[in-house]
Protein backbone atom coordinates (compact mmCIF):
# COMPACT_ATOMS: atom_id res chain seq x y z
CA MET A 1 0.00 0.00 0.00
CA LEU A 2 2.82 2.37 0.89
CA SER A 3 4.55 1.49 -2.39
CA LEU A 4 1.39 2.32 -4.33
CA ILE A 5 1.14 5.73 -2.65
CA PHE A 6 4.83 6.39 -3.33
CA ILE A 7 4.44 5.47 -7.01
CA LEU A 8 1.34 7.67 -7.27
CA VAL A 9 3.11 10.66 -5.72
CA LEU A 10 6.18 10.08 -7.89
CA GLY A 11 4.02 9.88 -11.01
CA LEU A 12 2.18 13.07 -10.07
CA ALA A 13 5.49 14.85 -9.46
CA GLY A 14 6.81 13.70 -12.84
CA TRP A 15 3.64 14.75 -14.64
CA THR A 16 3.70 18.15 -12.90
CA SER A 17 7.38 18.66 -13.78
CA ALA A 18 6.82 17.71 -17.42
CA SER A 19 3.80 19.98 -17.68
CA PHE A 20 5.59 22.84 -15.96
CA LEU A 21 8.69 22.55 -18.14
CA SER A 22 6.66 22.38 -21.36
CA LYS A 23 5.59 25.99 -20.73
CA GLY A 24 1.92 25.25 -21.33
CA LYS A 25 -0.88 27.79 -21.07
CA HIS A 26 -1.72 26.70 -17.51
CA GLN A 27 1.76 27.28 -16.10
CA GLU A 28 0.68 30.15 -13.82
CA GLU A 29 -2.16 28.07 -12.41
CA ILE A 30 0.25 25.18 -11.79
CA LYS A 31 2.59 27.56 -9.91
CA GLU A 32 -0.32 28.78 -7.80
CA GLU A 33 -1.43 25.25 -6.91
CA LEU A 34 2.14 24.24 -6.03
CA LYS A 35 2.37 27.27 -3.72
CA ASN A 36 -0.93 26.25 -2.10
CA ILE A 37 0.35 22.69 -1.58
CA LEU A 38 3.62 23.98 -0.12
CA ASN A 39 1.80 26.36 2.27
CA THR A 40 -0.50 23.54 3.35
CA PHE A 41 2.49 21.29 3.97
CA TYR A 42 4.19 23.96 6.08
CA SER A 43 1.00 24.48 8.06
CA PHE A 44 0.68 20.72 8.62
CA ALA A 45 4.32 20.45 9.72
CA SER A 46 3.87 23.37 12.13
CA SER A 47 0.71 21.83 13.60
CA LEU A 48 2.45 18.49 13.98
CA LYS A 49 5.37 20.16 15.76
CA ASN A 50 2.95 21.95 18.10
CA LEU A 51 1.12 18.71 18.84
CA VAL A 52 4.36 16.91 19.71
CA HIS A 53 5.38 19.85 21.91
CA LEU A 54 2.07 19.74 23.78
CA LEU A 55 2.26 15.97 24.22
CA ILE A 56 5.77 16.26 25.64
CA LYS A 57 4.67 19.01 28.04
CA ASP A 58 1.67 16.93 29.11
CA SER A 59 3.84 13.86 29.67
CA ILE A 60 6.33 15.82 31.75
CA LYS A 61 3.51 17.34 33.82
CA SER A 62 1.96 13.89 34.34
CA ALA A 63 5.31 12.52 35.45
CA ALA A 64 5.75 15.40 37.87
CA ASP A 65 2.26 14.87 39.29
CA GLY A 66 2.84 11.16 39.76
CA ASP A 67 0.14 10.07 37.30
CA LEU A 68 2.56 7.65 35.72
CA GLU A 69 2.33 5.26 38.67
CA ASN A 70 -1.07 4.03 37.47
CA VAL A 71 0.23 3.67 33.93
CA LYS A 72 3.28 1.78 35.20
CA ASP A 73 1.08 -0.64 37.16
CA ASN A 74 -1.15 -1.23 34.14
CA VAL A 75 1.83 -1.89 31.89
CA ILE A 76 3.31 -4.33 34.40
CA GLU A 77 0.00 -6.21 34.59
CA MET A 78 -0.23 -6.34 30.79
CA VAL A 79 3.32 -7.66 30.50
CA LYS A 80 2.69 -10.26 33.18
CA GLY A 81 -0.48 -11.37 31.41
CA ASN A 82 1.34 -11.62 28.08
CA MET A 83 4.18 -13.57 29.64
CA ILE A 84 1.90 -16.05 31.40
CA ASN A 85 -0.31 -16.80 28.38
CA PRO A 86 2.54 -17.95 26.09
CA LEU A 87 3.90 -20.13 28.89
CA LYS A 88 0.50 -21.83 29.28
CA LYS A 89 0.28 -22.38 25.54
CA ASP A 90 3.77 -23.93 25.50
CA GLU A 91 2.81 -26.29 28.34
CA GLU A 92 -0.40 -27.27 26.54
CA ASN A 93 1.53 -27.95 23.33
CA GLU A 94 4.03 -30.12 25.19
CA ASN A 95 1.21 -32.08 26.88
CA ASN A 96 -0.50 -32.61 23.52
CA GLU A 97 2.75 -33.82 21.96
CA GLU A 98 3.33 -36.24 24.84
CA LYS A 99 -0.20 -37.64 24.48
CA ALA A 100 0.26 -38.03 20.73
CA ALA A 101 3.54 -39.93 21.21
């Protein structure tokens, strides 16, 4: 899926470059649309940077307030649960193999 998107973007970039270099009658409109796309990309990148900054600040505040203790306990329980389940499955597989033999 990612390859398909990459090929699509690459094809669009090639088509745009070829059209732009051919000095067609829509060259000014192509320039305007490219500027719009670039401005939108810069706006998206700025918003993404702000989001990451806010998430970092929130995480630091949560750590300072001690909210991470609950998260830590939940993660430990999840890891314990994931570690116990594979061990039970391995024991069941061994018992089944012994019965089959």
